[in-house]
Amino acid sequence: MRSTVADTLPPGVKRALTKLGADVALARKKRNLTAMMMAERIGVAKSTYLKVEKGDPTVALGTYAMTFFVLGFGDVLGEMLDARRDDQGLLLDAERMPQRVRTPKSPRAL
């Protein structure tokens, strides 16, 4: 028996995707758009768009990206893992800094 992506996701990730889907649905409704209108603008079938609103992890990232774009959040994905906002990465960089900086020795004359 095969395991699917949905079966192997950690509970926190499942909750985050479910919340994301609910947030997408709310944003769509605030803009007075139907699910069919969203699907047409994104370029997917209505059933695929409804999976987005459910937070289905099997939906392609490009579909989520187009959904964000249609709703006016086109730059969200580009900013999500911005190195300047990566606190954990910045801490790791600081830990890797050398304790001392030495000048390189000059090469010996032959």
PDB file of N, CA and C in Angstrom:
ATOM      1  N   MET A   1       0.833  -1.178   0.000  1.00  0.00           N
ATOM      2  CA  MET A   1       0.000   0.000   0.000  1.00  0.00           C
ATOM      3  C   MET A   1       0.881   1.247   0.000  1.00  0.00           C
ATOM      4  N   ARG A   2       0.584   2.185  -0.870  1.00  0.00           N
ATOM      5  CA  ARG A   2       1.365   3.408  -0.974  1.00  0.00           C
ATOM      6  C   ARG A   2       0.896   4.436   0.042  1.00  0.00           C
ATOM      7  N   SER A   3       1.845   5.193   0.551  1.00  0.00           N
ATOM      8  CA  SER A   3       1.456   6.314   1.399  1.00  0.00           C
ATOM      9  C   SER A   3       1.439   7.564   0.527  1.00  0.00           C
ATOM     10  N   THR A   4       0.537   8.443   0.793  1.00  0.00           N
ATOM     11  CA  THR A   4       0.443   9.675   0.023  1.00  0.00           C
ATOM     12  C   THR A   4       1.065  10.812   0.817  1.00  0.00           C
ATOM     13  N   VAL A   5       1.223  11.927   0.153  1.00  0.00           N
ATOM     14  CA  VAL A   5       1.760  13.116   0.811  1.00  0.00           C
ATOM     15  C   VAL A   5       0.905  13.467   2.015  1.00  0.00           C
ATOM     16  N   ALA A   6      -0.406  13.403   1.856  1.00  0.00           N
ATOM     17  CA  ALA A   6      -1.310  13.770   2.942  1.00  0.00           C
ATOM     18  C   ALA A   6      -1.139  12.851   4.147  1.00  0.00           C
ATOM     19  N   ASP A   7      -0.781  11.596   3.925  1.00  0.00           N
ATOM     20  CA  ASP A   7      -0.604  10.651   5.026  1.00  0.00           C
ATOM     21  C   ASP A   7       0.674  10.912   5.817  1.00  0.00           C
ATOM     22  N   THR A   8       1.673  11.493   5.186  1.00  0.00           N
ATOM     23  CA  THR A   8       2.972  11.659   5.836  1.00  0.00           C
ATOM     24  C   THR A   8       3.214  13.061   6.376  1.00  0.00           C
ATOM     25  N   LEU A   9       2.281  13.975   6.158  1.00  0.00           N
ATOM     26  CA  LEU A   9       2.480  15.338   6.650  1.00  0.00           C
ATOM     27  C   LEU A   9       2.385  15.408   8.168  1.00  0.00           C
ATOM     28  N   PRO A  10       3.241  16.180   8.785  1.00  0.00           N
ATOM     29  CA  PRO A  10       3.120  16.396  10.230  1.00  0.00           C
ATOM     30  C   PRO A  10       1.815  17.139  10.532  1.00  0.00           C
ATOM     31  N   PRO A  11       1.236  16.910  11.708  1.00  0.00           N
ATOM     32  CA  PRO A  11      -0.041  17.557  12.053  1.00  0.00           C
ATOM     33  C   PRO A  11      -0.008  19.082  11.940  1.00  0.00           C
ATOM     34  N   GLY A  12       1.091  19.702  12.317  1.00  0.00           N
ATOM     35  CA  GLY A  12       1.186  21.159  12.215  1.00  0.00           C
ATOM     36  C   GLY A  12       1.102  21.657  10.784  1.00  0.00           C
ATOM     37  N   VAL A  13       1.689  20.908   9.871  1.00  0.00           N
ATOM     38  CA  VAL A  13       1.644  21.282   8.457  1.00  0.00           C
ATOM     39  C   VAL A  13       0.222  21.108   7.927  1.00  0.00           C
ATOM     40  N   LYS A  14      -0.438  20.029   8.324  1.00  0.00           N
ATOM     41  CA  LYS A  14      -1.831  19.818   7.907  1.00  0.00           C
ATOM     42  C   LYS A  14      -2.716  20.969   8.382  1.00  0.00           C
ATOM     43  N   ARG A  15      -2.524  21.372   9.645  1.00  0.00           N
ATOM     44  CA  ARG A  15      -3.320  22.486  10.180  1.00  0.00           C
ATOM     45  C   ARG A  15      -3.036  23.775   9.415  1.00  0.00           C
ATOM     46  N   ALA A  16      -1.772  24.012   9.103  1.00  0.00           N
ATOM     47  CA  ALA A  16      -1.397  25.226   8.379  1.00  0.00           C
ATOM     48  C   ALA A  16      -2.029  25.252   6.987  1.00  0.00           C
ATOM     49  N   LEU A  17      -2.023  24.117   6.291  1.00  0.00           N
ATOM     50  CA  LEU A  17      -2.639  24.056   4.965  1.00  0.00           C
ATOM     51  C   LEU A  17      -4.154  24.242   5.042  1.00  0.00           C
ATOM     52  N   THR A  18      -4.773  23.656   6.059  1.00  0.00           N
ATOM     53  CA  THR A  18      -6.217  23.823   6.232  1.00  0.00           C
ATOM     54  C   THR A  18      -6.540  25.291   6.487  1.00  0.00           C
ATOM     55  N   LYS A  19      -5.749  25.947   7.318  1.00  0.00           N
ATOM     56  CA  LYS A  19      -5.962  27.368   7.594  1.00  0.00           C
ATOM     57  C   LYS A  19      -5.737  28.190   6.334  1.00  0.00           C
ATOM     58  N   LEU A  20      -4.689  27.862   5.579  1.00  0.00           N
ATOM     59  CA  LEU A  20      -4.416  28.573   4.327  1.00  0.00           C
ATOM     60  C   LEU A  20      -5.613  28.468   3.387  1.00  0.00           C
ATOM     61  N   GLY A  21      -6.168  27.270   3.259  1.00  0.00           N
ATOM     62  CA  GLY A  21      -7.333  27.084   2.397  1.00  0.00           C
ATOM     63  C   GLY A  21      -8.523  27.906   2.861  1.00  0.00           C
ATOM     64  N   ALA A  22      -8.756  27.919   4.166  1.00  0.00           N
ATOM     65  CA  ALA A  22      -9.864  28.707   4.714  1.00  0.00           C
ATOM     66  C   ALA A  22      -9.624  30.201   4.484  1.00  0.00           C
ATOM     67  N   ASP A  23      -8.379  30.631   4.618  1.00  0.00           N
ATOM     68  CA  ASP A  23      -8.050  32.040   4.373  1.00  0.00           C
ATOM     69  C   ASP A  23      -8.256  32.411   2.907  1.00  0.00           C
ATOM     70  N   VAL A  24      -7.913  31.505   2.003  1.00  0.00           N
ATOM     71  CA  VAL A  24      -8.133  31.739   0.573  1.00  0.00           C
ATOM     72  C   VAL A  24      -9.631  31.867   0.300  1.00  0.00           C
ATOM     73  N   ALA A  25     -10.420  30.969   0.882  1.00  0.00           N
ATOM     74  CA  ALA A  25     -11.866  31.021   0.685  1.00  0.00           C
ATOM     75  C   ALA A  25     -12.439  32.339   1.199  1.00  0.00           C
ATOM     76  N   LEU A  26     -11.995  32.780   2.354  1.00  0.00           N
ATOM     77  CA  LEU A  26     -12.471  34.034   2.926  1.00  0.00           C
ATOM     78  C   LEU A  26     -12.084  35.222   2.049  1.00  0.00           C
ATOM     79  N   ALA A  27     -10.838  35.238   1.574  1.00  0.00           N
ATOM     80  CA  ALA A  27     -10.378  36.322   0.698  1.00  0.00           C
ATOM     81  C   ALA A  27     -11.193  36.357  -0.592  1.00  0.00           C
ATOM     82  N   ARG A  28     -11.507  35.187  -1.132  1.00  0.00           N
ATOM     83  CA  ARG A  28     -12.322  35.120  -2.352  1.00  0.00           C
ATOM     84  C   ARG A  28     -13.704  35.707  -2.105  1.00  0.00           C
ATOM     85  N   LYS A  29     -14.316  35.320  -1.000  1.00  0.00           N
ATOM     86  CA  LYS A  29     -15.663  35.799  -0.682  1.00  0.00           C
ATOM     87  C   LYS A  29     -15.677  37.304  -0.434  1.00  0.00           C
ATOM     88  N   LYS A  30     -14.657  37.828   0.216  1.00  0.00           N
ATOM     89  CA  LYS A  30     -14.570  39.274   0.446  1.00  0.00           C
ATOM     90  C   LYS A  30     -14.507  40.041  -0.863  1.00  0.00           C
ATOM     91  N   ARG A  31     -13.958  39.406  -1.888  1.00  0.00           N
ATOM     92  CA  ARG A  31     -13.841  40.042  -3.199  1.00  0.00           C
ATOM     93  C   ARG A  31     -15.043  39.745  -4.099  1.00  0.00           C
ATOM     94  N   ASN A  32     -16.063  39.107  -3.542  1.00  0.00           N
ATOM     95  CA  ASN A  32     -17.288  38.750  -4.273  1.00  0.00           C
ATOM     96  C   ASN A  32     -17.006  37.932  -5.526  1.00  0.00           C
ATOM     97  N   LEU A  33     -16.104  36.974  -5.405  1.00  0.00           N
ATOM     98  CA  LEU A  33     -15.774  36.084  -6.513  1.00  0.00           C
ATOM     99  C   LEU A  33     -16.341  34.704  -6.214  1.00  0.00           C
ATOM    100  N   THR A  34     -16.867  34.059  -7.228  1.00  0.00           N
ATOM    101  CA  THR A  34     -17.338  32.686  -7.062  1.00  0.00           C
ATOM    102  C   THR A  34     -16.156  31.740  -7.241  1.00  0.00           C
ATOM    103  N   ALA A  35     -16.333  30.512  -6.807  1.00  0.00           N
ATOM    104  CA  ALA A  35     -15.286  29.502  -6.992  1.00  0.00           C
ATOM    105  C   ALA A  35     -15.018  29.281  -8.482  1.00  0.00           C
ATOM    106  N   MET A  36     -16.068  29.338  -9.272  1.00  0.00           N
ATOM    107  CA  MET A  36     -15.900  29.150 -10.716  1.00  0.00           C
ATOM    108  C   MET A  36     -15.109  30.300 -11.323  1.00  0.00           C
ATOM    109  N   MET A  37     -15.366  31.528 -10.879  1.00  0.00           N
ATOM    110  CA  MET A  37     -14.610  32.677 -11.372  1.00  0.00           C
ATOM    111  C   MET A  37     -13.130  32.539 -11.019  1.00  0.00           C
ATOM    112  N   MET A  38     -12.851  32.107  -9.801  1.00  0.00           N
ATOM    113  CA  MET A  38     -11.463  31.908  -9.386  1.00  0.00           C
ATOM    114  C   MET A  38     -10.786  30.845 -10.247  1.00  0.00           C
ATOM    115  N   ALA A  39     -11.473  29.728 -10.442  1.00  0.00           N
ATOM    116  CA  ALA A  39     -10.908  28.638 -11.242  1.00  0.00           C
ATOM    117  C   ALA A  39     -10.580  29.121 -12.654  1.00  0.00           C
ATOM    118  N   GLU A  40     -11.475  29.898 -13.247  1.00  0.00           N
ATOM    119  CA  GLU A  40     -11.239  30.407 -14.597  1.00  0.00           C
ATOM    120  C   GLU A  40     -10.043  31.348 -14.628  1.00  0.00           C
ATOM    121  N   ARG A  41      -9.937  32.222 -13.640  1.00  0.00           N
ATOM    122  CA  ARG A  41      -8.838  33.187 -13.608  1.00  0.00           C
ATOM    123  C   ARG A  41      -7.496  32.509 -13.340  1.00  0.00           C
ATOM    124  N   ILE A  42      -7.522  31.443 -12.560  1.00  0.00           N
ATOM    125  CA  ILE A  42      -6.295  30.704 -12.249  1.00  0.00           C
ATOM    126  C   ILE A  42      -5.912  29.791 -13.411  1.00  0.00           C
ATOM    127  N   GLY A  43      -6.922  29.311 -14.142  1.00  0.00           N
ATOM    128  CA  GLY A  43      -6.679  28.411 -15.268  1.00  0.00           C
ATOM    129  C   GLY A  43      -6.704  26.950 -14.885  1.00  0.00           C
ATOM    130  N   VAL A  44      -7.549  26.617 -13.896  1.00  0.00           N
ATOM    131  CA  VAL A  44      -7.684  25.231 -13.452  1.00  0.00           C
ATOM    132  C   VAL A  44      -9.160  24.855 -13.413  1.00  0.00           C
ATOM    133  N   ALA A  45      -9.413  23.585 -13.223  1.00  0.00           N
ATOM    134  CA  ALA A  45     -10.792  23.117 -13.076  1.00  0.00           C
ATOM    135  C   ALA A  45     -11.333  23.576 -11.723  1.00  0.00           C
ATOM    136  N   LYS A  46     -12.642  23.707 -11.650  1.00  0.00           N
ATOM    137  CA  LYS A  46     -13.268  24.123 -10.399  1.00  0.00           C
ATOM    138  C   LYS A  46     -12.929  23.142  -9.278  1.00  0.00           C
ATOM    139  N   SER A  47     -12.888  21.856  -9.591  1.00  0.00           N
ATOM    140  CA  SER A  47     -12.574  20.852  -8.564  1.00  0.00           C
ATOM    141  C   SER A  47     -11.164  21.055  -8.006  1.00  0.00           C
ATOM    142  N   THR A  48     -10.229  21.466  -8.861  1.00  0.00           N
ATOM    143  CA  THR A  48      -8.872  21.734  -8.394  1.00  0.00           C
ATOM    144  C   THR A  48      -8.862  22.957  -7.492  1.00  0.00           C
ATOM    145  N   TYR A  49      -9.592  23.989  -7.881  1.00  0.00           N
ATOM    146  CA  TYR A  49      -9.641  25.183  -7.039  1.00  0.00           C
ATOM    147  C   TYR A  49     -10.260  24.865  -5.673  1.00  0.00           C
ATOM    148  N   LEU A  50     -11.286  24.046  -5.660  1.00  0.00           N
ATOM    149  CA  LEU A  50     -11.914  23.687  -4.384  1.00  0.00           C
ATOM    150  C   LEU A  50     -10.940  22.921  -3.488  1.00  0.00           C
ATOM    151  N   LYS A  51     -10.017  22.183  -4.094  1.00  0.00           N
ATOM    152  CA  LYS A  51      -8.964  21.524  -3.305  1.00  0.00           C
ATOM    153  C   LYS A  51      -8.063  22.562  -2.647  1.00  0.00           C
ATOM    154  N   VAL A  52      -7.812  23.673  -3.342  1.00  0.00           N
ATOM    155  CA  VAL A  52      -7.017  24.759  -2.761  1.00  0.00           C
ATOM    156  C   VAL A  52      -7.707  25.272  -1.501  1.00  0.00           C
ATOM    157  N   GLU A  53      -9.017  25.483  -1.587  1.00  0.00           N
ATOM    158  CA  GLU A  53      -9.762  25.999  -0.442  1.00  0.00           C
ATOM    159  C   GLU A  53      -9.827  25.001   0.711  1.00  0.00           C
ATOM    160  N   LYS A  54      -9.576  23.739   0.416  1.00  0.00           N
ATOM    161  CA  LYS A  54      -9.537  22.725   1.476  1.00  0.00           C
ATOM    162  C   LYS A  54      -8.122  22.548   2.024  1.00  0.00           C
ATOM    163  N   GLY A  55      -7.136  23.175   1.377  1.00  0.00           N
ATOM    164  CA  GLY A  55      -5.750  23.034   1.815  1.00  0.00           C
ATOM    165  C   GLY A  55      -5.138  21.711   1.423  1.00  0.00           C
ATOM    166  N   ASP A  56      -5.563  21.172   0.298  1.00  0.00           N
ATOM    167  CA  ASP A  56      -5.065  19.879  -0.178  1.00  0.00           C
ATOM    168  C   ASP A  56      -3.581  19.976  -0.531  1.00  0.00           C
ATOM    169  N   PRO A  57      -2.723  19.139   0.064  1.00  0.00           N
ATOM    170  CA  PRO A  57      -1.288  19.217  -0.204  1.00  0.00           C
ATOM    171  C   PRO A  57      -0.876  18.681  -1.573  1.00  0.00           C
ATOM    172  N   THR A  58      -1.787  18.038  -2.284  1.00  0.00           N
ATOM    173  CA  THR A  58      -1.429  17.487  -3.588  1.00  0.00           C
ATOM    174  C   THR A  58      -1.600  18.499  -4.718  1.00  0.00           C
ATOM    175  N   VAL A  59      -2.152  19.659  -4.425  1.00  0.00           N
ATOM    176  CA  VAL A  59      -2.319  20.692  -5.446  1.00  0.00           C
ATOM    177  C   VAL A  59      -0.950  21.301  -5.741  1.00  0.00           C
ATOM    178  N   ALA A  60      -0.686  21.532  -7.013  1.00  0.00           N
ATOM    179  CA  ALA A  60       0.616  22.064  -7.432  1.00  0.00           C
ATOM    180  C   ALA A  60       0.866  23.444  -6.834  1.00  0.00           C
ATOM    181  N   LEU A  61       2.127  23.707  -6.512  1.00  0.00           N
ATOM    182  CA  LEU A  61       2.511  24.992  -5.953  1.00  0.00           C
ATOM    183  C   LEU A  61       2.161  26.134  -6.911  1.00  0.00           C
ATOM    184  N   GLY A  62       2.264  25.881  -8.192  1.00  0.00           N
ATOM    185  CA  GLY A  62       1.907  26.900  -9.180  1.00  0.00           C
ATOM    186  C   GLY A  62       0.452  27.312  -9.085  1.00  0.00           C
ATOM    187  N   THR A  63      -0.412  26.364  -8.744  1.00  0.00           N
ATOM    188  CA  THR A  63      -1.831  26.685  -8.574  1.00  0.00           C
ATOM    189  C   THR A  63      -2.026  27.578  -7.366  1.00  0.00           C
ATOM    190  N   TYR A  64      -1.339  27.264  -6.266  1.00  0.00           N
ATOM    191  CA  TYR A  64      -1.406  28.143  -5.095  1.00  0.00           C
ATOM    192  C   TYR A  64      -0.854  29.525  -5.448  1.00  0.00           C
ATOM    193  N   ALA A  65       0.259  29.576  -6.195  1.00  0.00           N
ATOM    194  CA  ALA A  65       0.860  30.861  -6.569  1.00  0.00           C
ATOM    195  C   ALA A  65      -0.102  31.689  -7.406  1.00  0.00           C
ATOM    196  N   MET A  66      -0.764  31.068  -8.364  1.00  0.00           N
ATOM    197  CA  MET A  66      -1.737  31.794  -9.185  1.00  0.00           C
ATOM    198  C   MET A  66      -2.925  32.256  -8.341  1.00  0.00           C
ATOM    199  N   THR A  67      -3.328  31.437  -7.371  1.00  0.00           N
ATOM    200  CA  THR A  67      -4.419  31.826  -6.479  1.00  0.00           C
ATOM    201  C   THR A  67      -4.042  33.090  -5.719  1.00  0.00           C
ATOM    202  N   PHE A  68      -2.825  33.123  -5.171  1.00  0.00           N
ATOM    203  CA  PHE A  68      -2.368  34.304  -4.448  1.00  0.00           C
ATOM    204  C   PHE A  68      -2.330  35.521  -5.367  1.00  0.00           C
ATOM    205  N   PHE A  69      -1.864  35.321  -6.592  1.00  0.00           N
ATOM    206  CA  PHE A  69      -1.787  36.414  -7.557  1.00  0.00           C
ATOM    207  C   PHE A  69      -3.173  36.976  -7.863  1.00  0.00           C
ATOM    208  N   VAL A  70      -4.117  36.110  -8.133  1.00  0.00           N
ATOM    209  CA  VAL A  70      -5.478  36.545  -8.466  1.00  0.00           C
ATOM    210  C   VAL A  70      -6.097  37.316  -7.305  1.00  0.00           C
ATOM    211  N   LEU A  71      -5.769  36.911  -6.081  1.00  0.00           N
ATOM    212  CA  LEU A  71      -6.321  37.588  -4.904  1.00  0.00           C
ATOM    213  C   LEU A  71      -5.547  38.854  -4.530  1.00  0.00           C
ATOM    214  N   GLY A  72      -4.463  39.140  -5.244  1.00  0.00           N
ATOM    215  CA  GLY A  72      -3.697  40.349  -4.981  1.00  0.00           C
ATOM    216  C   GLY A  72      -2.515  40.166  -4.050  1.00  0.00           C
ATOM    217  N   PHE A  73      -2.110  38.923  -3.842  1.00  0.00           N
ATOM    218  CA  PHE A  73      -0.971  38.623  -2.986  1.00  0.00           C
ATOM    219  C   PHE A  73       0.157  38.009  -3.810  1.00  0.00           C
ATOM    220  N   GLY A  74       0.454  38.579  -4.947  1.00  0.00           N
ATOM    221  CA  GLY A  74       1.415  38.000  -5.874  1.00  0.00           C
ATOM    222  C   GLY A  74       2.833  37.896  -5.368  1.00  0.00           C
ATOM    223  N   ASP A  75       3.223  38.751  -4.421  1.00  0.00           N
ATOM    224  CA  ASP A  75       4.608  38.740  -3.960  1.00  0.00           C
ATOM    225  C   ASP A  75       4.825  37.901  -2.706  1.00  0.00           C
ATOM    226  N   VAL A  76       3.796  37.251  -2.216  1.00  0.00           N
ATOM    227  CA  VAL A  76       3.887  36.491  -0.962  1.00  0.00           C
ATOM    228  C   VAL A  76       4.927  35.378  -1.039  1.00  0.00           C
ATOM    229  N   LEU A  77       4.913  34.597  -2.097  1.00  0.00           N
ATOM    230  CA  LEU A  77       5.847  33.471  -2.191  1.00  0.00           C
ATOM    231  C   LEU A  77       7.298  33.926  -2.282  1.00  0.00           C
ATOM    232  N   GLY A  78       7.540  35.018  -2.990  1.00  0.00           N
ATOM    233  CA  GLY A  78       8.898  35.511  -3.127  1.00  0.00           C
ATOM    234  C   GLY A  78       9.483  36.031  -1.826  1.00  0.00           C
ATOM    235  N   GLU A  79       8.631  36.482  -0.945  1.00  0.00           N
ATOM    236  CA  GLU A  79       9.085  37.041   0.328  1.00  0.00           C
ATOM    237  C   GLU A  79       9.120  36.013   1.455  1.00  0.00           C
ATOM    238  N   MET A  80       8.499  34.874   1.246  1.00  0.00           N
ATOM    239  CA  MET A  80       8.317  33.899   2.319  1.00  0.00           C
ATOM    240  C   MET A  80       9.631  33.437   2.952  1.00  0.00           C
ATOM    241  N   LEU A  81      10.602  33.101   2.156  1.00  0.00           N
ATOM    242  CA  LEU A  81      11.881  32.603   2.678  1.00  0.00           C
ATOM    243  C   LEU A  81      13.029  33.570   2.406  1.00  0.00           C
ATOM    244  N   ASP A  82      12.723  34.847   2.412  1.00  0.00           N
ATOM    245  CA  ASP A  82      13.729  35.873   2.178  1.00  0.00           C
ATOM    246  C   ASP A  82      14.857  35.717   3.194  1.00  0.00           C
ATOM    247  N   ALA A  83      16.079  35.656   2.709  1.00  0.00           N
ATOM    248  CA  ALA A  83      17.243  35.427   3.574  1.00  0.00           C
ATOM    249  C   ALA A  83      17.387  36.505   4.649  1.00  0.00           C
ATOM    250  N   ARG A  84      16.940  37.713   4.370  1.00  0.00           N
ATOM    251  CA  ARG A  84      17.051  38.788   5.356  1.00  0.00           C
ATOM    252  C   ARG A  84      16.103  38.604   6.536  1.00  0.00           C
ATOM    253  N   ARG A  85      15.056  37.792   6.349  1.00  0.00           N
ATOM    254  CA  ARG A  85      14.080  37.566   7.414  1.00  0.00           C
ATOM    255  C   ARG A  85      14.218  36.172   8.032  1.00  0.00           C
ATOM    256  N   ASP A  86      15.244  35.440   7.627  1.00  0.00           N
ATOM    257  CA  ASP A  86      15.472  34.080   8.105  1.00  0.00           C
ATOM    258  C   ASP A  86      16.267  34.124   9.410  1.00  0.00           C
ATOM    259  N   ASP A  87      15.573  34.281  10.526  1.00  0.00           N
ATOM    260  CA  ASP A  87      16.240  34.411  11.820  1.00  0.00           C
ATOM    261  C   ASP A  87      17.113  33.203  12.140  1.00  0.00           C
ATOM    262  N   GLN A  88      16.617  32.009  11.883  1.00  0.00           N
ATOM    263  CA  GLN A  88      17.389  30.796  12.166  1.00  0.00           C
ATOM    264  C   GLN A  88      18.659  30.763  11.316  1.00  0.00           C
ATOM    265  N   GLY A  89      18.536  31.089  10.046  1.00  0.00           N
ATOM    266  CA  GLY A  89      19.703  31.109   9.167  1.00  0.00           C
ATOM    267  C   GLY A  89      20.716  32.160   9.596  1.00  0.00           C
ATOM    268  N   LEU A  90      20.240  33.320  10.038  1.00  0.00           N
ATOM    269  CA  LEU A  90      21.143  34.366  10.504  1.00  0.00           C
ATOM    270  C   LEU A  90      21.881  33.932  11.762  1.00  0.00           C
ATOM    271  N   LEU A  91      21.189  33.230  12.661  1.00  0.00           N
ATOM    272  CA  LEU A  91      21.848  32.706  13.861  1.00  0.00           C
ATOM    273  C   LEU A  91      22.920  31.685  13.502  1.00  0.00           C
ATOM    274  N   LEU A  92      22.604  30.811  12.555  1.00  0.00           N
ATOM    275  CA  LEU A  92      23.586  29.811  12.129  1.00  0.00           C
ATOM    276  C   LEU A  92      24.800  30.477  11.497  1.00  0.00           C
ATOM    277  N   ASP A  93      24.576  31.526  10.708  1.00  0.00           N
ATOM    278  CA  ASP A  93      25.696  32.260  10.127  1.00  0.00           C
ATOM    279  C   ASP A  93      26.577  32.852  11.221  1.00  0.00           C
ATOM    280  N   ALA A  94      25.961  33.423  12.246  1.00  0.00           N
ATOM    281  CA  ALA A  94      26.719  34.032  13.345  1.00  0.00           C
ATOM    282  C   ALA A  94      27.549  32.982  14.082  1.00  0.00           C
ATOM    283  N   GLU A  95      27.007  31.786  14.241  1.00  0.00           N
ATOM    284  CA  GLU A  95      27.734  30.716  14.926  1.00  0.00           C
ATOM    285  C   GLU A  95      28.941  30.248  14.124  1.00  0.00           C
ATOM    286  N   ARG A  96      28.882  30.361  12.826  1.00  0.00           N
ATOM    287  CA  ARG A  96      29.966  29.888  11.954  1.00  0.00           C
ATOM    288  C   ARG A  96      31.086  30.916  11.776  1.00  0.00           C
ATOM    289  N   MET A  97      30.893  32.088  12.336  1.00  0.00           N
ATOM    290  CA  MET A  97      31.919  33.124  12.201  1.00  0.00           C
ATOM    291  C   MET A  97      33.184  32.658  12.914  1.00  0.00           C
ATOM    292  N   PRO A  98      34.345  32.924  12.307  1.00  0.00           N
ATOM    293  CA  PRO A  98      35.590  32.495  12.949  1.00  0.00           C
ATOM    294  C   PRO A  98      35.842  33.291  14.232  1.00  0.00           C
ATOM    295  N   GLN A  99      36.493  32.640  15.176  1.00  0.00           N
ATOM    296  CA  GLN A  99      36.842  33.299  16.432  1.00  0.00           C
ATOM    297  C   GLN A  99      37.931  34.351  16.204  1.00  0.00           C
ATOM    298  N   ARG A 100      38.884  34.014  15.333  1.00  0.00           N
ATOM    299  CA  ARG A 100      39.995  34.921  15.033  1.00  0.00           C
ATOM    300  C   ARG A 100      40.148  35.029  13.528  1.00  0.00           C
ATOM    301  N   VAL A 101      40.626  36.161  13.131  1.00  0.00           N
ATOM    302  CA  VAL A 101      40.953  36.352  11.723  1.00  0.00           C
ATOM    303  C   VAL A 101      42.450  36.575  11.644  1.00  0.00           C
ATOM    304  N   ARG A 102      43.132  35.757  10.860  1.00  0.00           N
ATOM    305  CA  ARG A 102      44.584  35.841  10.746  1.00  0.00           C
ATOM    306  C   ARG A 102      44.940  36.290   9.342  1.00  0.00           C
ATOM    307  N   THR A 103      46.023  37.034   9.262  1.00  0.00           N
ATOM    308  CA  THR A 103      46.498  37.421   7.942  1.00  0.00           C
ATOM    309  C   THR A 103      47.194  36.223   7.311  1.00  0.00           C
ATOM    310  N   PRO A 104      47.063  36.053   6.029  1.00  0.00           N
ATOM    311  CA  PRO A 104      47.721  34.907   5.381  1.00  0.00           C
ATOM    312  C   PRO A 104      49.241  35.088   5.415  1.00  0.00           C
ATOM    313  N   LYS A 105      49.929  33.979   5.591  1.00  0.00           N
ATOM    314  CA  LYS A 105      51.393  34.019   5.589  1.00  0.00           C
ATOM    315  C   LYS A 105      51.877  34.273   4.170  1.00  0.00           C
ATOM    316  N   SER A 106      52.937  35.050   4.070  1.00  0.00           N
ATOM    317  CA  SER A 106      53.481  35.338   2.746  1.00  0.00           C
ATOM    318  C   SER A 106      54.183  34.100   2.217  1.00  0.00           C
ATOM    319  N   PRO A 107      54.120  33.884   0.932  1.00  0.00           N
ATOM    320  CA  PRO A 107      54.790  32.701   0.355  1.00  0.00           C
ATOM    321  C   PRO A 107      56.301  32.814   0.485  1.00  0.00           C
ATOM    322  N   ARG A 108      56.925  31.696   0.724  1.00  0.00           N
ATOM    323  CA  ARG A 108      58.377  31.667   0.865  1.00  0.00           C
ATOM    324  C   ARG A 108      59.062  31.849  -0.493  1.00  0.00           C
ATOM    325  N   ALA A 109      60.172  32.524  -0.446  1.00  0.00           N
ATOM    326  CA  ALA A 109      60.937  32.708  -1.680  1.00  0.00           C
ATOM    327  C   ALA A 109      61.656  31.410  -2.012  1.00  0.00           C
ATOM    328  N   LEU A 110      61.687  31.089  -3.308  1.00  0.00           N
ATOM    329  CA  LEU A 110      62.347  29.853  -3.739  1.00  0.00           C
ATOM    330  C   LEU A 110      63.762  30.054  -4.074  1.00  0.00           C
TER     331      LEU A 110
END
